[in-house]
């Protein structure tokens, strides 16, 4: 059975309206992974499951701030990733802030 680990999954640390979870370990791509997105107080904002090499999720409903994505496979392997939602990220190089 493949192991769920930080090296098997790639999640960006700063996001805007969409977050992408990429499964880097091909052996995990056929495994159902459950997830939840929580804030620092452990309040769950979204949960679900997916299978495959990647998933994109719209997170426009989240306020700017720090969150965690908690992934589980087969109720045994667990892995958490921290990210920050910042509206307007990435900033355009032609924009100026006066």
Protein backbone atom coordinates (compact mmCIF):
# COMPACT_ATOMS: atom_id res chain seq x y z
CA UNK A 1 0.00 0.00 0.00
CA UNK A 2 1.45 3.41 -0.93
CA UNK A 3 2.22 5.82 1.89
CA UNK A 4 0.65 9.27 2.14
CA UNK A 5 3.48 11.68 2.96
CA UNK A 6 4.41 15.33 2.35
CA UNK A 7 6.75 14.25 -0.46
CA UNK A 8 3.89 12.43 -2.24
CA UNK A 9 1.62 15.50 -2.41
CA UNK A 10 2.20 19.06 -3.63
CA UNK A 11 0.02 21.94 -2.42
CA UNK A 12 0.93 25.63 -2.83
CA UNK A 13 1.56 27.64 0.34
CA UNK A 14 -0.13 30.83 -0.96
CA UNK A 15 -3.30 30.77 -3.06
CA UNK A 16 -6.00 33.10 -4.38
CA UNK A 17 -9.37 31.68 -5.49
CA UNK A 18 -8.34 28.19 -6.60
CA UNK A 19 -6.13 25.65 -4.87
CA UNK A 20 -4.58 22.69 -6.67
CA UNK A 21 -3.62 19.44 -4.96
CA UNK A 22 -1.14 17.41 -7.03
CA UNK A 23 -0.42 13.75 -6.28
CA UNK A 24 3.27 13.22 -7.07
CA UNK A 25 3.41 9.53 -6.07
CA UNK A 26 1.83 7.64 -8.98
CA UNK A 27 1.00 4.73 -6.66
CA UNK A 28 -1.42 7.04 -4.78
CA UNK A 29 -3.23 8.24 -7.92
CA UNK A 30 -5.62 5.27 -7.82
CA UNK A 31 -6.39 5.70 -4.11
CA UNK A 32 -9.35 7.66 -2.80
CA UNK A 33 -8.12 10.52 -0.64
CA UNK A 34 -10.48 12.33 1.70
CA UNK A 35 -9.78 15.92 2.63
CA UNK A 36 -10.99 18.73 4.79
CA UNK A 37 -10.01 22.38 4.90
CA UNK A 38 -9.87 23.87 8.39
CA UNK A 39 -8.87 27.14 10.01
CA UNK A 40 -6.65 27.57 13.07
CA UNK A 41 -9.66 26.87 15.32
CA UNK A 42 -10.25 23.51 13.54
CA UNK A 43 -13.52 24.74 11.99
CA UNK A 44 -14.18 22.70 8.82
CA UNK A 45 -14.93 24.87 5.76
CA UNK A 46 -14.96 22.17 3.10
CA UNK A 47 -14.60 18.41 2.90
CA UNK A 48 -14.80 15.71 0.28
CA UNK A 49 -12.82 13.05 -1.52
CA UNK A 50 -11.02 12.61 -4.81
CA UNK A 51 -8.96 10.12 -6.78
CA UNK A 52 -6.40 10.85 -9.47
CA UNK A 53 -3.29 12.90 -10.18
CA UNK A 54 -4.75 16.28 -9.22
CA UNK A 55 -7.79 18.25 -8.15
CA UNK A 56 -8.56 21.96 -8.31
CA UNK A 57 -10.92 23.49 -5.78
CA UNK A 58 -12.51 26.92 -5.85
CA UNK A 59 -12.06 28.58 -2.44
CA UNK A 60 -13.53 32.01 -3.10
CA UNK A 61 -15.83 31.50 -0.09
CA UNK A 62 -12.86 31.50 2.29
CA UNK A 63 -11.74 34.75 3.88
CA UNK A 64 -8.12 35.75 3.58
CA UNK A 65 -6.13 33.90 6.21
CA UNK A 66 -4.28 30.71 7.14
CA UNK A 67 -5.81 27.27 6.66
CA UNK A 68 -4.86 23.61 6.66
CA UNK A 69 -5.73 20.87 4.20
CA UNK A 70 -5.89 17.54 6.01
CA UNK A 71 -5.62 14.49 3.74
CA UNK A 72 -6.45 10.92 4.72
CA UNK A 73 -6.14 7.63 2.87
CA UNK A 74 -7.82 4.45 4.09
CA UNK A 75 -8.32 6.02 7.54
CA UNK A 76 -4.72 5.15 8.44
CA UNK A 77 -2.43 7.59 6.67
CA UNK A 78 -2.91 11.27 7.51
CA UNK A 79 -1.05 14.30 6.28
CA UNK A 80 -1.64 18.05 6.78
CA UNK A 81 -0.53 20.99 4.66
CA UNK A 82 -0.72 24.66 5.60
CA UNK A 83 -1.63 27.37 3.12
CA UNK A 84 -2.60 31.01 3.17
CA UNK A 85 -5.38 32.53 1.09
CA UNK A 86 -4.56 36.04 -0.11
CA UNK A 87 -7.06 37.79 -2.39
CA UNK A 88 -5.42 39.19 -5.50
CA UNK A 89 -2.43 36.80 -5.36
CA UNK A 90 -0.32 36.66 -7.50
CA UNK A 91 0.10 40.38 -7.79
CA UNK A 92 0.53 41.72 -11.26
CA UNK A 93 3.93 43.30 -11.90
CA UNK A 94 2.35 46.31 -13.65
CA UNK A 95 0.22 47.21 -10.64
CA UNK A 96 1.57 49.83 -8.30
CA UNK A 97 0.58 50.55 -4.75
CA UNK A 98 0.84 54.22 -3.82
